[in-house]
C-alpha atoms as a PDB file:
ATOM      1  CA  MET A   1     124.346 132.029  85.486  1.00  0.00           C
ATOM      2  CA  THR A   2     125.167 128.346  85.841  1.00  0.00           C
ATOM      3  CA  MET A   3     122.720 125.466  85.575  1.00  0.00           C
ATOM      4  CA  ASN A   4     123.253 121.867  86.697  1.00  0.00           C
ATOM      5  CA  THR A   5     121.066 118.770  86.684  1.00  0.00           C
ATOM      6  CA  TRP A   6     121.365 115.961  89.246  1.00  0.00           C
ATOM      7  CA  LEU A   7     119.562 112.606  89.196  1.00  0.00           C
ATOM      8  CA  ARG A   8     119.226 109.781  91.732  1.00  0.00           C
ATOM      9  CA  LEU A   9     117.242 106.581  91.147  1.00  0.00           C
ATOM     10  CA  GLY A  10     116.906 103.901  93.800  1.00  0.00           C
ATOM     11  CA  SER A  11     115.285 100.475  93.974  1.00  0.00           C
ATOM     12  CA  ARG A  12     114.607  98.443  97.101  1.00  0.00           C
ATOM     13  CA  LEU A  13     113.632  94.818  97.609  1.00  0.00           C
ATOM     14  CA  GLN A  14     111.708  94.663 100.896  1.00  0.00           C
ATOM     15  CA  SER A  15     108.155  94.324 102.125  1.00  0.00           C
ATOM     16  CA  PHE A  16     106.795  97.378 103.970  1.00  0.00           C
ATOM     17  CA  LYS A  17     104.137  95.286 105.744  1.00  0.00           C
ATOM     18  CA  ASP A  18     106.569  92.537 106.805  1.00  0.00           C
ATOM     19  CA  PRO A  19     110.082  94.090 106.709  1.00  0.00           C
ATOM     20  CA  GLU A  20     111.843  90.738 107.158  1.00  0.00           C
ATOM     21  CA  LYS A  21     110.596  89.521 103.768  1.00  0.00           C
ATOM     22  CA  LEU A  22     112.218  90.303 100.438  1.00  0.00           C
ATOM     23  CA  ASP A  23     109.000  89.968  98.453  1.00  0.00           C
ATOM     24  CA  ARG A  24     108.217  93.523  97.271  1.00  0.00           C
ATOM     25  CA  LEU A  25     110.125  95.782  94.883  1.00  0.00           C
ATOM     26  CA  SER A  26     109.799  99.562  95.166  1.00  0.00           C
ATOM     27  CA  GLN A  27     111.494 102.471  93.461  1.00  0.00           C
ATOM     28  CA  ASP A  28     112.142 106.137  94.163  1.00  0.00           C
ATOM     29  CA  GLY A  29     113.748 108.954  92.226  1.00  0.00           C
ATOM     30  CA  GLU A  30     114.877 112.555  92.592  1.00  0.00           C
ATOM     31  CA  LEU A  31     115.799 115.168  89.999  1.00  0.00           C
ATOM     32  CA  ASN A  32     117.383 118.503  91.002  1.00  0.00           C
ATOM     33  CA  LEU A  33     117.626 121.525  88.734  1.00  0.00           C
ATOM     34  CA  LEU A  34     120.217 123.916  90.195  1.00  0.00           C
ATOM     35  CA  LEU A  35     120.523 127.589  89.182  1.00  0.00           C
ATOM     36  CA  ASN A  36     123.166 129.990  90.522  1.00  0.00           C
ATOM     37  CA  ALA A  37     124.037 133.524  89.468  1.00  0.00           C
ATOM     38  CA  GLU A  38     126.097 136.507  90.591  1.00  0.00           C
ATOM     39  CA  VAL A  39     123.826 139.547  90.214  1.00  0.00           C
ATOM     40  CA  VAL A  40     126.351 142.228  91.144  1.00  0.00           C
ATOM     41  CA  GLU A  41     129.637 142.042  93.005  1.00  0.00           C
ATOM     42  CA  MET A  42     129.170 140.278  96.367  1.00  0.00           C
ATOM     43  CA  ILE A  43     125.454 139.609  95.768  1.00  0.00           C
ATOM     44  CA  GLY A  44     124.159 136.404  94.213  1.00  0.00           C
ATOM     45  CA  LEU A  45     121.089 134.212  93.979  1.00  0.00           C
ATOM     46  CA  THR A  46     120.408 130.497  94.154  1.00  0.00           C
ATOM     47  CA  ALA A  47     117.183 128.897  92.936  1.00  0.00           C
ATOM     48  CA  ASN A  48     116.898 125.092  92.982  1.00  0.00           C
ATOM     49  CA  LEU A  49     113.938 122.902  92.070  1.00  0.00           C
ATOM     50  CA  VAL A  50     113.396 119.281  93.106  1.00  0.00           C
ATOM     51  CA  GLY A  51     111.166 116.690  91.474  1.00  0.00           C
ATOM     52  CA  SER A  52     110.642 113.349  93.175  1.00  0.00           C
ATOM     53  CA  PHE A  53     108.578 110.192  93.232  1.00  0.00           C
ATOM     54  CA  GLY A  54     108.458 107.160  95.470  1.00  0.00           C
ATOM     55  CA  PRO A  55     106.381 104.716  97.489  1.00  0.00           C
ATOM     56  CA  SER A  56     104.256 105.575 100.519  1.00  0.00           C
ATOM     57  CA  PRO A  57     102.502 103.562 103.262  1.00  0.00           C
ATOM     58  CA  GLY A  58      99.248 103.790 101.314  1.00  0.00           C
ATOM     59  CA  GLY A  59     100.806 102.453  98.125  1.00  0.00           C
ATOM     60  CA  GLY A  60     102.032 105.646  96.500  1.00  0.00           C
ATOM     61  CA  ASN A  61     101.097 107.118  93.131  1.00  0.00           C
ATOM     62  CA  ILE A  62     102.740 107.581  89.765  1.00  0.00           C
ATOM     63  CA  THR A  63     102.444 111.386  89.567  1.00  0.00           C
ATOM     64  CA  GLY A  64     105.318 112.500  91.798  1.00  0.00           C
ATOM     65  CA  ASP A  65     105.928 116.043  93.066  1.00  0.00           C
ATOM     66  CA  VAL A  66     107.845 119.159  92.007  1.00  0.00           C
ATOM     67  CA  ASN A  67     108.819 121.687  94.684  1.00  0.00           C
ATOM     68  CA  LEU A  68     110.996 124.698  95.363  1.00  0.00           C
ATOM     69  CA  MET A  69     114.053 123.306  97.181  1.00  0.00           C
ATOM     70  CA  ASP A  70     116.229 126.432  97.569  1.00  0.00           C
ATOM     71  CA  LEU A  71     115.639 130.140  97.053  1.00  0.00           C
ATOM     72  CA  ILE A  72     118.522 132.156  98.488  1.00  0.00           C
ATOM     73  CA  ALA A  73     119.711 135.751  98.310  1.00  0.00           C
ATOM     74  CA  ARG A  74     123.457 135.542  98.999  1.00  0.00           C
ATOM     75  CA  LEU A  75     125.408 138.477 100.446  1.00  0.00           C
ATOM     76  CA  ASP A  76     129.005 137.272 100.152  1.00  0.00           C
ATOM     77  CA  ILE A  77     130.726 140.234 101.731  1.00  0.00           C
ATOM     78  CA  ASP A  78     133.972 138.535 102.729  1.00  0.00           C
ATOM     79  CA  ASP A  79     135.367 135.046 103.298  1.00  0.00           C
ATOM     80  CA  ALA A  80     134.862 135.635 106.998  1.00  0.00           C
ATOM     81  CA  PHE A  81     131.317 137.039 106.720  1.00  0.00           C
ATOM     82  CA  HIS A  82     128.401 135.943 104.541  1.00  0.00           C
ATOM     83  CA  VAL A  83     124.664 136.499 105.048  1.00  0.00           C
ATOM     84  CA  TRP A  84     122.267 134.152 103.243  1.00  0.00           C
ATOM     85  CA  VAL A  85     118.501 134.733 103.388  1.00  0.00           C
ATOM     86  CA  GLY A  86     115.719 132.461 102.136  1.00  0.00           C
ATOM     87  CA  ARG A  87     115.198 128.713 101.907  1.00  0.00           C
ATOM     88  CA  MET A  88     118.456 126.792 102.323  1.00  0.00           C
ATOM     89  CA  LEU A  89     120.217 123.847 103.942  1.00  0.00           C
ATOM     90  CA  VAL A  90     120.006 124.128 107.721  1.00  0.00           C
ATOM     91  CA  PRO A  91     123.562 124.379 109.153  1.00  0.00           C
ATOM     92  CA  SER A  92     123.620 121.467 111.553  1.00  0.00           C
ATOM     93  CA  ASP A  93     125.853 118.448 110.911  1.00  0.00           C
ATOM     94  CA  ARG A  94     128.184 117.160 108.182  1.00  0.00           C
ATOM     95  CA  SER A  95     125.558 114.776 106.826  1.00  0.00           C
ATOM     96  CA  ASN A  96     123.137 117.592 106.041  1.00  0.00           C
ATOM     97  CA  PHE A  97     125.818 119.699 104.351  1.00  0.00           C
ATOM     98  CA  SER A  98     126.723 116.789 102.065  1.00  0.00           C
ATOM     99  CA  GLY A  99     123.232 115.355 101.643  1.00  0.00           C
ATOM    100  CA  PRO A 100     122.866 111.950  99.980  1.00  0.00           C
ATOM    101  CA  TRP A 101     124.682 113.319  96.927  1.00  0.00           C
ATOM    102  CA  PHE A 102     128.125 113.727  98.492  1.00  0.00           C
ATOM    103  CA  MET A 103     128.341 110.858 100.990  1.00  0.00           C
ATOM    104  CA  ALA A 104     129.590 107.330 100.331  1.00  0.00           C
ATOM    105  CA  PRO A 105     126.527 105.422 101.692  1.00  0.00           C
ATOM    106  CA  TRP A 106     123.508 105.395  99.428  1.00  0.00           C
ATOM    107  CA  ASN A 107     121.022 105.740 102.303  1.00  0.00           C
ATOM    108  CA  TYR A 108     120.970 109.031 104.218  1.00  0.00           C
ATOM    109  CA  PRO A 109     121.536 108.402 107.961  1.00  0.00           C
ATOM    110  CA  GLY A 110     118.782 108.432 110.566  1.00  0.00           C
ATOM    111  CA  PHE A 111     115.959 106.740 108.631  1.00  0.00           C
ATOM    112  CA  PHE A 112     115.104 104.191 111.302  1.00  0.00           C
ATOM    113  CA  VAL A 113     111.368 104.519 110.618  1.00  0.00           C
ATOM    114  CA  PRO A 114     110.329 104.484 106.919  1.00  0.00           C
ATOM    115  CA  PHE A 115     108.347 107.528 105.682  1.00  0.00           C
ATOM    116  CA  SER A 116     109.280 109.547 108.792  1.00  0.00           C
ATOM    117  CA  ALA A 117     111.803 112.363 109.141  1.00  0.00           C
ATOM    118  CA  PRO A 118     115.314 111.072 109.874  1.00  0.00           C
ATOM    119  CA  LEU A 119     116.695 111.188 113.383  1.00  0.00           C
ATOM    120  CA  GLY A 120     119.255 113.895 113.862  1.00  0.00           C
ATOM    121  CA  PRO A 121     119.105 117.693 113.863  1.00  0.00           C
ATOM    122  CA  ARG A 122     115.773 119.235 112.934  1.00  0.00           C
ATOM    123  CA  GLN A 123     115.777 120.509 109.374  1.00  0.00           C
ATOM    124  CA  GLY A 124     112.878 120.216 106.942  1.00  0.00           C
ATOM    125  CA  PRO A 125     112.125 118.758 103.503  1.00  0.00           C
ATOM    126  CA  ASN A 126     115.367 117.908 101.691  1.00  0.00           C
ATOM    127  CA  GLY A 127     117.279 119.209 104.730  1.00  0.00           C
ATOM    128  CA  ARG A 128     116.040 122.747 104.002  1.00  0.00           C
ATOM    129  CA  ASN A 129     114.112 125.383 105.891  1.00  0.00           C
ATOM    130  CA  ASP A 130     113.157 129.061 105.619  1.00  0.00           C
ATOM    131  CA  GLY A 131     115.450 131.423 107.486  1.00  0.00           C
ATOM    132  CA  VAL A 132     118.691 133.357 107.592  1.00  0.00           C
ATOM    133  CA  THR A 133     122.271 132.184 108.126  1.00  0.00           C
ATOM    134  CA  VAL A 134     125.402 134.125 108.977  1.00  0.00           C
ATOM    135  CA  TRP A 135     128.527 132.146 108.164  1.00  0.00           C
ATOM    136  CA  GLY A 136     132.200 132.501 107.395  1.00  0.00           C
ATOM    137  CA  GLN A 137     135.497 130.737 106.965  1.00  0.00           C
ATOM    138  CA  ALA A 138     139.177 131.283 107.656  1.00  0.00           C
ATOM    139  CA  ALA A 139     142.399 129.859 106.168  1.00  0.00           C
ATOM    140  CA  GLY A 140     140.632 128.896 102.961  1.00  0.00           C
ATOM    141  CA  GLY A 141     138.047 126.774 104.760  1.00  0.00           C
ATOM    142  CA  MET A 142     140.098 125.079 107.469  1.00  0.00           C
ATOM    143  CA  PHE A 143     137.814 126.770 110.032  1.00  0.00           C
ATOM    144  CA  LYS A 144     134.127 127.528 109.429  1.00  0.00           C
ATOM    145  CA  TYR A 145     131.270 128.862 111.551  1.00  0.00           C
ATOM    146  CA  TYR A 146     127.494 129.049 111.011  1.00  0.00           C
ATOM    147  CA  ALA A 147     124.630 130.637 112.980  1.00  0.00           C
ATOM    148  CA  GLY A 148     121.061 130.616 111.701  1.00  0.00           C
ATOM    149  CA  ALA A 149     117.395 131.089 112.599  1.00  0.00           C
ATOM    150  CA  PHE A 150     114.796 128.949 110.807  1.00  0.00           C
ATOM    151  CA  GLU A 151     111.131 127.912 110.595  1.00  0.00           C
ATOM    152  CA  LEU A 152     110.373 131.557 109.850  1.00  0.00           C
ATOM    153  CA  TYR A 153     107.472 130.461 107.621  1.00  0.00           C
ATOM    154  CA  ASN A 154     105.500 129.745 110.819  1.00  0.00           C
ATOM    155  CA  SER A 155     104.776 132.938 112.748  1.00  0.00           C
ATOM    156  CA  LYS A 156     103.002 130.951 115.482  1.00  0.00           C
ATOM    157  CA  SER A 157     106.136 129.118 116.639  1.00  0.00           C
ATOM    158  CA  ALA A 158     109.442 130.276 118.035  1.00  0.00           C
ATOM    159  CA  PRO A 159     112.412 130.233 115.625  1.00  0.00           C
ATOM    160  CA  LEU A 160     114.646 127.192 115.425  1.00  0.00           C
ATOM    161  CA  PHE A 161     118.203 128.349 116.162  1.00  0.00           C
ATOM    162  CA  SER A 162     120.890 126.196 114.589  1.00  0.00           C
ATOM    163  CA  GLY A 163     124.666 126.632 114.652  1.00  0.00           C
ATOM    164  CA  ARG A 164     127.880 124.815 113.876  1.00  0.00           C
ATOM    165  CA  VAL A 165     131.642 125.246 113.983  1.00  0.00           C
ATOM    166  CA  SER A 166     134.081 122.964 112.173  1.00  0.00           C
ATOM    167  CA  LEU A 167     137.826 122.510 111.854  1.00  0.00           C
ATOM    168  CA  SER A 168     139.542 120.694 108.965  1.00  0.00           C
ATOM    169  CA  LEU A 169     143.108 119.875 109.977  1.00  0.00           C
ATOM    170  CA  LEU A 170     144.670 118.202 106.916  1.00  0.00           C
ATOM    171  CA  SER A 171     143.013 119.981 103.975  1.00  0.00           C
ATOM    172  CA  PRO A 172     140.635 122.951 103.750  1.00  0.00           C
ATOM    173  CA  GLU A 173     136.947 122.462 102.962  1.00  0.00           C
ATOM    174  CA  PRO A 174     135.865 125.814 101.487  1.00  0.00           C
ATOM    175  CA  GLY A 175     132.313 126.991 100.917  1.00  0.00           C
ATOM    176  CA  TYR A 176     128.922 126.756 102.600  1.00  0.00           C
ATOM    177  CA  TYR A 177     128.328 123.130 101.643  1.00  0.00           C
ATOM    178  CA  GLY A 178     130.461 120.080 102.423  1.00  0.00           C
ATOM    179  CA  ASN A 179     131.256 116.459 101.682  1.00  0.00           C
ATOM    180  CA  SER A 180     131.156 113.291 103.752  1.00  0.00           C
ATOM    181  CA  THR A 181     133.743 111.727 101.443  1.00  0.00           C
ATOM    182  CA  PHE A 182     136.288 112.959  98.901  1.00  0.00           C
ATOM    183  CA  TYR A 183     136.982 109.569  97.298  1.00  0.00           C
ATOM    184  CA  GLY A 184     140.727 109.942  97.786  1.00  0.00           C
ATOM    185  CA  GLU A 185     141.034 113.371  96.171  1.00  0.00           C
ATOM    186  CA  LYS A 186     142.586 114.756  99.371  1.00  0.00           C
ATOM    187  CA  ASP A 187     143.386 113.736 102.927  1.00  0.00           C
ATOM    188  CA  ILE A 188     140.816 114.894 105.487  1.00  0.00           C
ATOM    189  CA  LEU A 189     140.573 115.104 109.260  1.00  0.00           C
ATOM    190  CA  GLY A 190     137.462 117.151 109.902  1.00  0.00           C
ATOM    191  CA  ILE A 191     135.853 117.769 113.295  1.00  0.00           C
ATOM    192  CA  GLY A 192     132.558 119.573 113.828  1.00  0.00           C
ATOM    193  CA  ILE A 193     130.151 120.369 116.650  1.00  0.00           C
ATOM    194  CA  GLY A 194     126.644 121.774 116.408  1.00  0.00           C
ATOM    195  CA  MET A 195     123.655 122.768 118.500  1.00  0.00           C
ATOM    196  CA  GLN A 196     119.971 123.498 117.944  1.00  0.00           C
ATOM    197  CA  ALA A 197     117.410 125.082 120.255  1.00  0.00           C
ATOM    198  CA  GLN A 198     113.715 125.939 119.935  1.00  0.00           C
ATOM    199  CA  LYS A 199     111.300 127.100 122.602  1.00  0.00           C
ATOM    200  CA  ASN A 200     108.276 124.836 123.276  1.00  0.00           C
ATOM    201  CA  ALA A 201     109.189 122.544 120.365  1.00  0.00           C
ATOM    202  CA  SER A 202     109.466 119.246 122.275  1.00  0.00           C
ATOM    203  CA  LEU A 203     105.874 118.132 121.748  1.00  0.00           C
ATOM    204  CA  ALA A 204     103.921 115.179 123.100  1.00  0.00           C
ATOM    205  CA  GLY A 205     102.008 112.846 120.811  1.00  0.00           C
ATOM    206  CA  PRO A 206      98.437 113.659 119.745  1.00  0.00           C
ATOM    207  CA  MET A 207      97.010 111.255 122.367  1.00  0.00           C
ATOM    208  CA  SER A 208      98.927 112.880 125.236  1.00  0.00           C
ATOM    209  CA  ASP A 209      98.022 115.944 127.312  1.00  0.00           C
ATOM    210  CA  ALA A 210     101.641 116.622 128.359  1.00  0.00           C
ATOM    211  CA  ASP A 211     102.796 120.232 128.108  1.00  0.00           C
ATOM    212  CA  PRO A 212     105.366 121.181 125.448  1.00  0.00           C
ATOM    213  CA  ASP A 213     108.965 121.603 126.526  1.00  0.00           C
ATOM    214  CA  ASP A 214     111.960 123.364 125.015  1.00  0.00           C
ATOM    215  CA  PHE A 215     113.880 121.348 122.428  1.00  0.00           C
ATOM    216  CA  ILE A 216     117.689 121.242 122.471  1.00  0.00           C
ATOM    217  CA  GLU A 217     119.948 119.065 120.321  1.00  0.00           C
ATOM    218  CA  PHE A 218     123.728 118.659 120.470  1.00  0.00           C
ATOM    219  CA  ASN A 219     125.813 116.908 117.822  1.00  0.00           C
ATOM    220  CA  ALA A 220     129.439 116.155 117.051  1.00  0.00           C
ATOM    221  CA  ASP A 221     131.024 114.452 114.055  1.00  0.00           C
ATOM    222  CA  ILE A 222     134.421 113.460 112.740  1.00  0.00           C
ATOM    223  CA  LEU A 223     135.614 112.445 109.274  1.00  0.00           C
ATOM    224  CA  PHE A 224     139.000 110.905 108.516  1.00  0.00           C
ATOM    225  CA  GLU A 225     140.092 109.964 105.000  1.00  0.00           C
ATOM    226  CA  LYS A 226     143.644 109.030 104.124  1.00  0.00           C
ATOM    227  CA  ARG A 227     145.166 108.134 100.769  1.00  0.00           C
ATOM    228  CA  LEU A 228     147.463 105.151 101.291  1.00  0.00           C
ATOM    229  CA  GLY A 229     149.521 105.691  98.162  1.00  0.00           C
ATOM    230  CA  ASP A 230     149.024 102.846  95.702  1.00  0.00           C
ATOM    231  CA  ALA A 231     147.147 100.867  98.388  1.00  0.00           C
ATOM    232  CA  GLY A 232     143.894 102.824  98.066  1.00  0.00           C
ATOM    233  CA  THR A 233     141.975 105.162 100.401  1.00  0.00           C
ATOM    234  CA  LEU A 234     140.761 104.463 103.935  1.00  0.00           C
ATOM    235  CA  GLY A 235     137.685 106.291 105.206  1.00  0.00           C
ATOM    236  CA  LEU A 236     136.306 106.514 108.755  1.00  0.00           C
ATOM    237  CA  GLU A 237     133.359 108.599 109.931  1.00  0.00           C
ATOM    238  CA  ALA A 238     131.340 108.921 113.129  1.00  0.00           C
ATOM    239  CA  ALA A 239     128.622 111.208 114.472  1.00  0.00           C
ATOM    240  CA  PHE A 240     126.779 111.495 117.806  1.00  0.00           C
ATOM    241  CA  TYR A 241     123.469 113.239 118.574  1.00  0.00           C
ATOM    242  CA  LYS A 242     121.925 114.070 121.975  1.00  0.00           C
ATOM    243  CA  TYR A 243     118.302 115.201 122.317  1.00  0.00           C
ATOM    244  CA  GLU A 244     116.899 117.228 125.226  1.00  0.00           C
ATOM    245  CA  GLY A 245     113.217 117.873 125.946  1.00  0.00           C
ATOM    246  CA  ASP A 246     110.617 116.222 128.173  1.00  0.00           C
ATOM    247  CA  ASN A 247     108.695 114.814 125.206  1.00  0.00           C
ATOM    248  CA  GLU A 248     111.567 113.506 123.071  1.00  0.00           C
ATOM    249  CA  ALA A 249     111.185 109.824 122.159  1.00  0.00           C
ATOM    250  CA  ILE A 250     114.931 109.330 121.629  1.00  0.00           C
ATOM    251  CA  ASP A 251     117.666 110.068 124.162  1.00  0.00           C
ATOM    252  CA  TYR A 252     120.645 109.831 121.805  1.00  0.00           C
ATOM    253  CA  SER A 253     121.703 108.331 118.483  1.00  0.00           C
ATOM    254  CA  TYR A 254     124.947 107.773 116.623  1.00  0.00           C
ATOM    255  CA  PHE A 255     126.568 106.160 113.610  1.00  0.00           C
ATOM    256  CA  VAL A 256     130.023 104.835 112.757  1.00  0.00           C
ATOM    257  CA  LEU A 257     131.258 104.039 109.254  1.00  0.00           C
ATOM    258  CA  GLY A 258     134.293 102.418 107.664  1.00  0.00           C
ATOM    259  CA  SER A 259     135.114 102.325 103.947  1.00  0.00           C
ATOM    260  CA  TYR A 260     137.981 101.383 101.651  1.00  0.00           C
ATOM    261  CA  LEU A 261     138.415 102.598  98.080  1.00  0.00           C
ATOM    262  CA  ILE A 262     140.205  99.876  96.100  1.00  0.00           C
ATOM    263  CA  PRO A 263     142.851 101.487  93.824  1.00  0.00           C
ATOM    264  CA  ALA A 264     142.731  98.964  90.965  1.00  0.00           C
ATOM    265  CA  LYS A 265     140.044  99.671  88.373  1.00  0.00           C
ATOM    266  CA  LEU A 266     137.343  97.143  87.617  1.00  0.00           C
ATOM    267  CA  GLY A 267     136.240  98.053  84.110  1.00  0.00           C
ATOM    268  CA  PRO A 268     135.806 101.836  83.872  1.00  0.00           C
ATOM    269  CA  GLY A 269     135.370 102.397  87.614  1.00  0.00           C
ATOM    270  CA  LEU A 270     136.579 101.842  91.161  1.00  0.00           C
ATOM    271  CA  VAL A 271     134.992  99.640  93.831  1.00  0.00           C
ATOM    272  CA  GLN A 272     134.407 100.858  97.393  1.00  0.00           C
ATOM    273  CA  PRO A 273     133.116  98.464 100.082  1.00  0.00           C
ATOM    274  CA  LEU A 274     131.739 100.084 103.234  1.00  0.00           C
ATOM    275  CA  VAL A 275     129.904  99.185 106.434  1.00  0.00           C
ATOM    276  CA  ARG A 276     127.862 101.560 108.599  1.00  0.00           C
ATOM    277  CA  LEU A 277     126.277 100.938 112.009  1.00  0.00           C
ATOM    278  CA  GLN A 278     123.535 103.236 113.314  1.00  0.00           C
ATOM    279  CA  GLN A 279     121.862 103.037 116.714  1.00  0.00           C
ATOM    280  CA  ALA A 280     119.320 105.097 118.644  1.00  0.00           C
ATOM    281  CA  LYS A 281     118.418 104.795 122.329  1.00  0.00           C
ATOM    282  CA  PRO A 282     114.747 105.512 123.222  1.00  0.00           C
ATOM    283  CA  THR A 283     114.046 107.580 126.331  1.00  0.00           C
ATOM    284  CA  ASP A 284     111.806 104.754 127.544  1.00  0.00           C
ATOM    285  CA  GLY A 285     114.263 102.727 129.622  1.00  0.00           C
ATOM    286  CA  ASP A 286     112.403  99.485 128.881  1.00  0.00           C
ATOM    287  CA  ALA A 287     112.611  99.900 125.098  1.00  0.00           C
ATOM    288  CA  ASP A 288     115.296  98.149 123.079  1.00  0.00           C
ATOM    289  CA  THR A 289     117.949 100.103 121.213  1.00  0.00           C
ATOM    290  CA  TRP A 290     117.120 100.727 117.551  1.00  0.00           C
ATOM    291  CA  THR A 291     119.703  99.408 115.075  1.00  0.00           C
ATOM    292  CA  LEU A 292     120.472  99.817 111.373  1.00  0.00           C
ATOM    293  CA  VAL A 293     123.405  98.122 109.611  1.00  0.00           C
ATOM    294  CA  ASP A 294     124.334  98.877 105.988  1.00  0.00           C
ATOM    295  CA  ALA A 295     126.804  96.755 104.002  1.00  0.00           C
ATOM    296  CA  GLN A 296     127.414  98.278 100.580  1.00  0.00           C
ATOM    297  CA  LEU A 297     129.537  98.019  97.459  1.00  0.00           C
ATOM    298  CA  GLY A 298     129.964 101.323  95.656  1.00  0.00           C
ATOM    299  CA  TYR A 299     131.084 101.568  92.035  1.00  0.00           C
ATOM    300  CA  LEU A 300     132.550 104.921  90.963  1.00  0.00           C
ATOM    301  CA  VAL A 301     132.788 105.621  87.250  1.00  0.00           C
ATOM    302  CA  ALA A 302     133.256 109.391  87.565  1.00  0.00           C
ATOM    303  CA  SER A 303     133.257 110.161  91.303  1.00  0.00           C
ATOM    304  CA  PHE A 304     129.940 111.814  92.296  1.00  0.00           C
ATOM    305  CA  ALA A 305     128.983 112.489  88.665  1.00  0.00           C
ATOM    306  CA  CYS A 306     128.427 108.813  87.857  1.00  0.00           C
ATOM    307  CA  ARG A 307     128.245 106.238  90.627  1.00  0.00           C
ATOM    308  CA  PHE A 308     126.330 103.097  91.553  1.00  0.00           C
ATOM    309  CA  ALA A 309     125.581 101.393  94.863  1.00  0.00           C
ATOM    310  CA  LEU A 310     124.458  97.866  95.744  1.00  0.00           C
ATOM    311  CA  GLY A 311     123.894  96.891  99.338  1.00  0.00           C
ATOM    312  CA  PHE A 312     122.021  95.135 102.107  1.00  0.00           C
ATOM    313  CA  GLN A 313     120.416  96.800 105.130  1.00  0.00           C
ATOM    314  CA  TYR A 314     119.475  95.042 108.363  1.00  0.00           C
ATOM    315  CA  SER A 315     117.170  96.810 110.811  1.00  0.00           C
ATOM    316  CA  GLU A 316     115.771  96.188 114.279  1.00  0.00           C
ATOM    317  CA  VAL A 317     113.388  98.947 115.371  1.00  0.00           C
ATOM    318  CA  ASN A 318     110.665  98.737 118.025  1.00  0.00           C
ATOM    319  CA  GLY A 319     111.160  94.967 118.192  1.00  0.00           C
ATOM    320  CA  GLN A 320     110.596  94.559 114.438  1.00  0.00           C
ATOM    321  CA  LYS A 321     113.459  93.113 112.385  1.00  0.00           C
ATOM    322  CA  GLY A 322     113.940  93.921 108.736  1.00  0.00           C
ATOM    323  CA  ASN A 323     116.006  92.974 105.702  1.00  0.00           C
ATOM    324  CA  GLY A 324     116.376  95.085 102.578  1.00  0.00           C
ATOM    325  CA  ILE A 325     118.422  94.956  99.370  1.00  0.00           C
ATOM    326  CA  PHE A 326     118.975  98.280  97.621  1.00  0.00           C
ATOM    327  CA  LEU A 327     120.407  99.455  94.313  1.00  0.00           C
ATOM    328  CA  GLY A 328     121.175 103.086  93.477  1.00  0.00           C
ATOM    329  CA  ILE A 329     122.250 105.130  90.435  1.00  0.00           C
ATOM    330  CA  GLN A 330     123.481 108.732  90.675  1.00  0.00           C
ATOM    331  CA  LEU A 331     124.256 111.051  87.744  1.00  0.00           C
ATOM    332  CA  GLN A 332     125.255 114.723  87.823  1.00  0.00           C
ATOM    333  CA  LYS A 333     125.848 117.175  84.992  1.00  0.00           C
END
């Protein structure tokens, strides 16, 4: 059995009541305890716990929460065929496979509205949900496929079907999980497409009497990272999401990102500037496009195991502009 501990602490300077003002300081934190074991040949288990704290619209509290994040029975029959059952990451897009832990931006994409679920594929708390996934890989991870059924905790609703296929052309990306950056460890050109569908899951708001409709979501993403010899590492990433259903508030959303890992050390670490643009188009034709822009400096002491982030985020959502300064610390052991 292996055990790992991961920690993220973030601080943000921004008012929740008046997002344009930098007059309130808030903090959030997350601690993951990760347990993995091989029980017998080809059969393993994963059990992960998550503890977190943070602000809320009502002011928050100091107690925090501890929850079961993953509980998976893994049948790893062959590279080309695995069956995982339990609570796990929903196979959807690259961002969910990497989570905030293995992407260069500090802020997970899609959080246009604070304290709401991020835009993108439907998942669940911490990107997880209860279900079953069949997945496999070929050529050491250059090609991967996933097909899963989720929301099985709720017998009153239809299952959420979620699938993905991906192709990594320059270097393989083995395993169930993935990265949204490799910090120059290898060259990457990864392309993925995904789809989700759920019957009667496009729901109207509580004040509407509109009938539910079927929910369908399509997504596509691309990641390109290239080591430029002694000149550093260039990173480019983009993703697009399309939402179908009569009651969906958003028609489509996307993000584009550019980063550059400076090769010369500054003290014990490396500096990585990056910029990311996110936009979402409401289905209401009269509504303005939602926008988020992140400008960030990352500082990497030991890759993902010890990194820091300092940045500024500009937002314009539902006609409300916002400015935020954020600072993040990530440690893994």
